[in-house]
Amino acid sequence: MRFTNYINLKRPAQNGPRRGQVRNNAGGFAWALNPWKQLERFLILGTEGGTYYVGERKLTLDNCKNLQDLVQLL
């Protein structure tokens, strides 16, 4: 039995996205959140003060856009 038939020996590139990742505001890659999880984080954490990479205004607008999209789905 050859175990190498069941594993990938190729090393993935360190500077590219993995399957399921999207570009984040820092220029790197992160796992994408579904819209409901994003809404939950918005309601719990808010947007006051923004983050290190995103200002408060852009963060609020992005979360409000997500909320509008979710309301239209209902």
C-alpha atoms as a PDB file:
ATOM      1  CA  MET A   1       0.000   0.000   0.000  1.00  0.00           C
ATOM      2  CA  ARG A   2       1.387   3.394  -0.986  1.00  0.00           C
ATOM      3  CA  PHE A   3       0.330   6.154   1.341  1.00  0.00           C
ATOM      4  CA  THR A   4       1.551   8.767  -1.140  1.00  0.00           C
ATOM      5  CA  ASN A   5      -1.487   7.951  -3.269  1.00  0.00           C
ATOM      6  CA  TYR A   6      -3.675   9.511  -0.568  1.00  0.00           C
ATOM      7  CA  ILE A   7      -1.793  12.695   0.281  1.00  0.00           C
ATOM      8  CA  ASN A   8      -0.793  15.729  -1.748  1.00  0.00           C
ATOM      9  CA  LEU A   9       2.978  16.123  -1.813  1.00  0.00           C
ATOM     10  CA  LYS A  10       2.889  19.453  -3.654  1.00  0.00           C
ATOM     11  CA  ARG A  11       3.333  22.446  -1.391  1.00  0.00           C
ATOM     12  CA  PRO A  12       0.821  25.257  -1.968  1.00  0.00           C
ATOM     13  CA  ALA A  13       2.060  28.766  -2.649  1.00  0.00           C
ATOM     14  CA  GLN A  14       2.392  30.824   0.533  1.00  0.00           C
ATOM     15  CA  ASN A  15       1.224  34.096  -1.009  1.00  0.00           C
ATOM     16  CA  GLY A  16      -2.027  32.978  -2.638  1.00  0.00           C
ATOM     17  CA  PRO A  17      -5.484  32.095  -1.375  1.00  0.00           C
ATOM     18  CA  ARG A  18      -6.544  28.639  -0.328  1.00  0.00           C
ATOM     19  CA  ARG A  19      -9.794  27.165  -1.544  1.00  0.00           C
ATOM     20  CA  GLY A  20     -12.666  29.160  -0.015  1.00  0.00           C
ATOM     21  CA  GLN A  21     -10.614  32.210   0.955  1.00  0.00           C
ATOM     22  CA  VAL A  22     -11.217  35.783  -0.166  1.00  0.00           C
ATOM     23  CA  ARG A  23      -9.016  38.885  -0.107  1.00  0.00           C
ATOM     24  CA  ASN A  24      -9.337  40.852   3.119  1.00  0.00           C
ATOM     25  CA  ASN A  25      -8.872  44.576   3.793  1.00  0.00           C
ATOM     26  CA  ALA A  26      -5.235  44.106   4.799  1.00  0.00           C
ATOM     27  CA  GLY A  27      -4.355  42.661   1.390  1.00  0.00           C
ATOM     28  CA  GLY A  28      -4.077  39.099   2.655  1.00  0.00           C
ATOM     29  CA  PHE A  29      -6.546  36.236   2.466  1.00  0.00           C
ATOM     30  CA  ALA A  30      -9.101  35.024   4.997  1.00  0.00           C
ATOM     31  CA  TRP A  31     -12.012  32.614   5.142  1.00  0.00           C
ATOM     32  CA  ALA A  32     -15.226  34.196   3.905  1.00  0.00           C
ATOM     33  CA  LEU A  33     -18.090  34.754   6.345  1.00  0.00           C
ATOM     34  CA  ASN A  34     -21.645  34.022   5.348  1.00  0.00           C
ATOM     35  CA  PRO A  35     -23.947  37.073   5.482  1.00  0.00           C
ATOM     36  CA  TRP A  36     -25.741  35.909   8.638  1.00  0.00           C
ATOM     37  CA  LYS A  37     -22.480  35.470  10.550  1.00  0.00           C
ATOM     38  CA  GLN A  38     -21.392  38.943   9.385  1.00  0.00           C
ATOM     39  CA  LEU A  39     -24.683  40.392  10.689  1.00  0.00           C
ATOM     40  CA  GLU A  40     -24.180  38.638  14.027  1.00  0.00           C
ATOM     41  CA  ARG A  41     -20.696  40.123  14.395  1.00  0.00           C
ATOM     42  CA  PHE A  42     -22.012  43.563  13.436  1.00  0.00           C
ATOM     43  CA  LEU A  43     -24.744  43.411  16.092  1.00  0.00           C
ATOM     44  CA  ILE A  44     -22.402  42.159  18.808  1.00  0.00           C
ATOM     45  CA  LEU A  45     -19.237  44.151  18.099  1.00  0.00           C
ATOM     46  CA  GLY A  46     -20.543  47.224  16.295  1.00  0.00           C
ATOM     47  CA  THR A  47     -18.263  49.438  14.216  1.00  0.00           C
ATOM     48  CA  GLU A  48     -17.250  52.185  16.631  1.00  0.00           C
ATOM     49  CA  GLY A  49     -13.639  53.111  16.060  1.00  0.00           C
ATOM     50  CA  GLY A  50     -13.274  50.888  12.987  1.00  0.00           C
ATOM     51  CA  THR A  51     -10.418  48.415  12.804  1.00  0.00           C
ATOM     52  CA  TYR A  52      -6.699  48.659  12.142  1.00  0.00           C
ATOM     53  CA  TYR A  53      -7.240  48.348   8.369  1.00  0.00           C
ATOM     54  CA  VAL A  54     -10.748  49.748   7.844  1.00  0.00           C
ATOM     55  CA  GLY A  55     -12.212  53.013   9.019  1.00  0.00           C
ATOM     56  CA  GLU A  56     -15.437  53.242  10.956  1.00  0.00           C
ATOM     57  CA  ARG A  57     -17.394  54.762   8.037  1.00  0.00           C
ATOM     58  CA  LYS A  58     -16.493  52.056   5.483  1.00  0.00           C
ATOM     59  CA  LEU A  59     -17.060  49.281   8.008  1.00  0.00           C
ATOM     60  CA  THR A  60     -20.506  50.664   8.877  1.00  0.00           C
ATOM     61  CA  LEU A  61     -21.476  51.072   5.215  1.00  0.00           C
ATOM     62  CA  ASP A  62     -20.360  47.517   4.369  1.00  0.00           C
ATOM     63  CA  ASN A  63     -22.374  46.079   7.243  1.00  0.00           C
ATOM     64  CA  CYS A  64     -25.466  48.141   6.380  1.00  0.00           C
ATOM     65  CA  LYS A  65     -25.245  46.929   2.762  1.00  0.00           C
ATOM     66  CA  ASN A  66     -25.106  43.355   4.051  1.00  0.00           C
ATOM     67  CA  LEU A  67     -28.159  44.016   6.250  1.00  0.00           C
ATOM     68  CA  GLN A  68     -30.103  45.447   3.288  1.00  0.00           C
ATOM     69  CA  ASP A  69     -29.276  42.376   1.206  1.00  0.00           C
ATOM     70  CA  LEU A  70     -30.479  40.066   3.974  1.00  0.00           C
ATOM     71  CA  VAL A  71     -33.745  41.994   4.413  1.00  0.00           C
ATOM     72  CA  GLN A  72     -34.438  41.723   0.697  1.00  0.00           C
ATOM     73  CA  LEU A  73     -34.008  37.934   0.925  1.00  0.00           C
ATOM     74  CA  LEU A  74     -36.772  37.675   3.514  1.00  0.00           C
END
